[in-house]
């Protein structure tokens, strides 16, 4: 990507609503975090695990926190 393309992209992003900008920023942050698995391995594992069957329920999480 050259500088002109980058400036065009930045200009387009500035035109989005704050909510849309936040959504894109969150997406880019997650993509960045996936590239650096040394930062937070447990979070990366959870991000990569898209199967809801493996996700802890809120009740299980509350029980863990109360221990």
C-alpha atoms as a PDB file:
ATOM      1  CA  UNK A   1       0.000   0.000   0.000  1.00  0.00           C
ATOM      2  CA  UNK A   2       1.503   3.320  -0.975  1.00  0.00           C
ATOM      3  CA  UNK A   3       1.149   6.614   0.875  1.00  0.00           C
ATOM      4  CA  UNK A   4      -1.660   7.895  -1.376  1.00  0.00           C
ATOM      5  CA  UNK A   5      -3.722   4.757  -0.798  1.00  0.00           C
ATOM      6  CA  UNK A   6      -3.148   5.024   2.936  1.00  0.00           C
ATOM      7  CA  UNK A   7      -4.257   8.665   2.995  1.00  0.00           C
ATOM      8  CA  UNK A   8      -7.370   7.773   0.972  1.00  0.00           C
ATOM      9  CA  UNK A   9      -8.206   4.984   3.421  1.00  0.00           C
ATOM     10  CA  UNK A  10      -7.715   7.281   6.418  1.00  0.00           C
ATOM     11  CA  UNK A  11      -9.958   9.896   4.806  1.00  0.00           C
ATOM     12  CA  UNK A  12     -12.680   7.294   4.219  1.00  0.00           C
ATOM     13  CA  UNK A  13     -12.449   6.072   7.810  1.00  0.00           C
ATOM     14  CA  UNK A  14     -12.849   9.616   9.156  1.00  0.00           C
ATOM     15  CA  UNK A  15     -16.186   9.866   7.322  1.00  0.00           C
ATOM     16  CA  UNK A  16     -17.625   6.896   9.219  1.00  0.00           C
ATOM     17  CA  UNK A  17     -19.734   7.306  12.342  1.00  0.00           C
ATOM     18  CA  UNK A  18     -17.997   6.931  15.694  1.00  0.00           C
ATOM     19  CA  UNK A  19     -19.717   3.590  16.169  1.00  0.00           C
ATOM     20  CA  UNK A  20     -18.465   2.295  12.821  1.00  0.00           C
ATOM     21  CA  UNK A  21     -14.957   3.561  13.576  1.00  0.00           C
ATOM     22  CA  UNK A  22     -15.040   1.756  16.933  1.00  0.00           C
ATOM     23  CA  UNK A  23     -16.118  -1.469  15.247  1.00  0.00           C
ATOM     24  CA  UNK A  24     -13.274  -1.283  12.724  1.00  0.00           C
ATOM     25  CA  UNK A  25     -10.784  -0.356  15.445  1.00  0.00           C
ATOM     26  CA  UNK A  26     -11.851  -3.387  17.496  1.00  0.00           C
ATOM     27  CA  UNK A  27     -11.497  -5.650  14.483  1.00  0.00           C
ATOM     28  CA  UNK A  28      -8.022  -4.321  13.700  1.00  0.00           C
ATOM     29  CA  UNK A  29      -6.948  -4.651  17.337  1.00  0.00           C
ATOM     30  CA  UNK A  30      -8.026  -8.299  17.414  1.00  0.00           C
ATOM     31  CA  UNK A  31      -6.189  -8.985  14.148  1.00  0.00           C
ATOM     32  CA  UNK A  32      -3.069  -7.340  15.590  1.00  0.00           C
ATOM     33  CA  UNK A  33      -3.305  -9.347  18.799  1.00  0.00           C
ATOM     34  CA  UNK A  34      -3.639 -12.601  16.845  1.00  0.00           C
ATOM     35  CA  UNK A  35      -0.288 -11.896  15.180  1.00  0.00           C
ATOM     36  CA  UNK A  36       1.502 -11.560  18.522  1.00  0.00           C
ATOM     37  CA  UNK A  37       0.589 -14.704  20.435  1.00  0.00           C
ATOM     38  CA  UNK A  38       3.172 -13.989  23.129  1.00  0.00           C
ATOM     39  CA  UNK A  39       1.142 -11.073  24.492  1.00  0.00           C
ATOM     40  CA  UNK A  40      -1.819 -12.924  25.996  1.00  0.00           C
ATOM     41  CA  UNK A  41      -1.912 -16.635  25.076  1.00  0.00           C
ATOM     42  CA  UNK A  42      -5.152 -17.385  26.967  1.00  0.00           C
ATOM     43  CA  UNK A  43      -7.020 -14.582  25.217  1.00  0.00           C
ATOM     44  CA  UNK A  44      -5.676 -15.664  21.834  1.00  0.00           C
ATOM     45  CA  UNK A  45      -6.876 -19.184  22.478  1.00  0.00           C
ATOM     46  CA  UNK A  46     -10.349 -17.879  23.301  1.00  0.00           C
ATOM     47  CA  UNK A  47     -10.444 -15.598  20.260  1.00  0.00           C
ATOM     48  CA  UNK A  48      -9.517 -18.498  17.980  1.00  0.00           C
ATOM     49  CA  UNK A  49     -12.109 -20.802  19.585  1.00  0.00           C
ATOM     50  CA  UNK A  50     -15.260 -19.915  17.680  1.00  0.00           C
ATOM     51  CA  UNK A  51     -17.228 -22.921  18.947  1.00  0.00           C
ATOM     52  CA  UNK A  52     -19.780 -21.686  21.538  1.00  0.00           C
ATOM     53  CA  UNK A  53     -19.886 -25.201  23.046  1.00  0.00           C
ATOM     54  CA  UNK A  54     -16.408 -24.535  24.449  1.00  0.00           C
ATOM     55  CA  UNK A  55     -17.260 -21.185  25.964  1.00  0.00           C
ATOM     56  CA  UNK A  56     -17.910 -21.093  29.721  1.00  0.00           C
ATOM     57  CA  UNK A  57     -21.386 -20.052  30.779  1.00  0.00           C
ATOM     58  CA  UNK A  58     -21.958 -16.933  32.848  1.00  0.00           C
ATOM     59  CA  UNK A  59     -22.988 -19.129  35.782  1.00  0.00           C
ATOM     60  CA  UNK A  60     -19.714 -21.101  35.653  1.00  0.00           C
ATOM     61  CA  UNK A  61     -17.760 -17.872  35.413  1.00  0.00           C
ATOM     62  CA  UNK A  62     -19.542 -16.403  38.457  1.00  0.00           C
ATOM     63  CA  UNK A  63     -18.797 -19.574  40.439  1.00  0.00           C
ATOM     64  CA  UNK A  64     -15.110 -19.355  39.533  1.00  0.00           C
ATOM     65  CA  UNK A  65     -14.956 -15.700  40.535  1.00  0.00           C
ATOM     66  CA  UNK A  66     -16.575 -16.332  43.910  1.00  0.00           C
ATOM     67  CA  UNK A  67     -13.949 -18.949  44.872  1.00  0.00           C
END
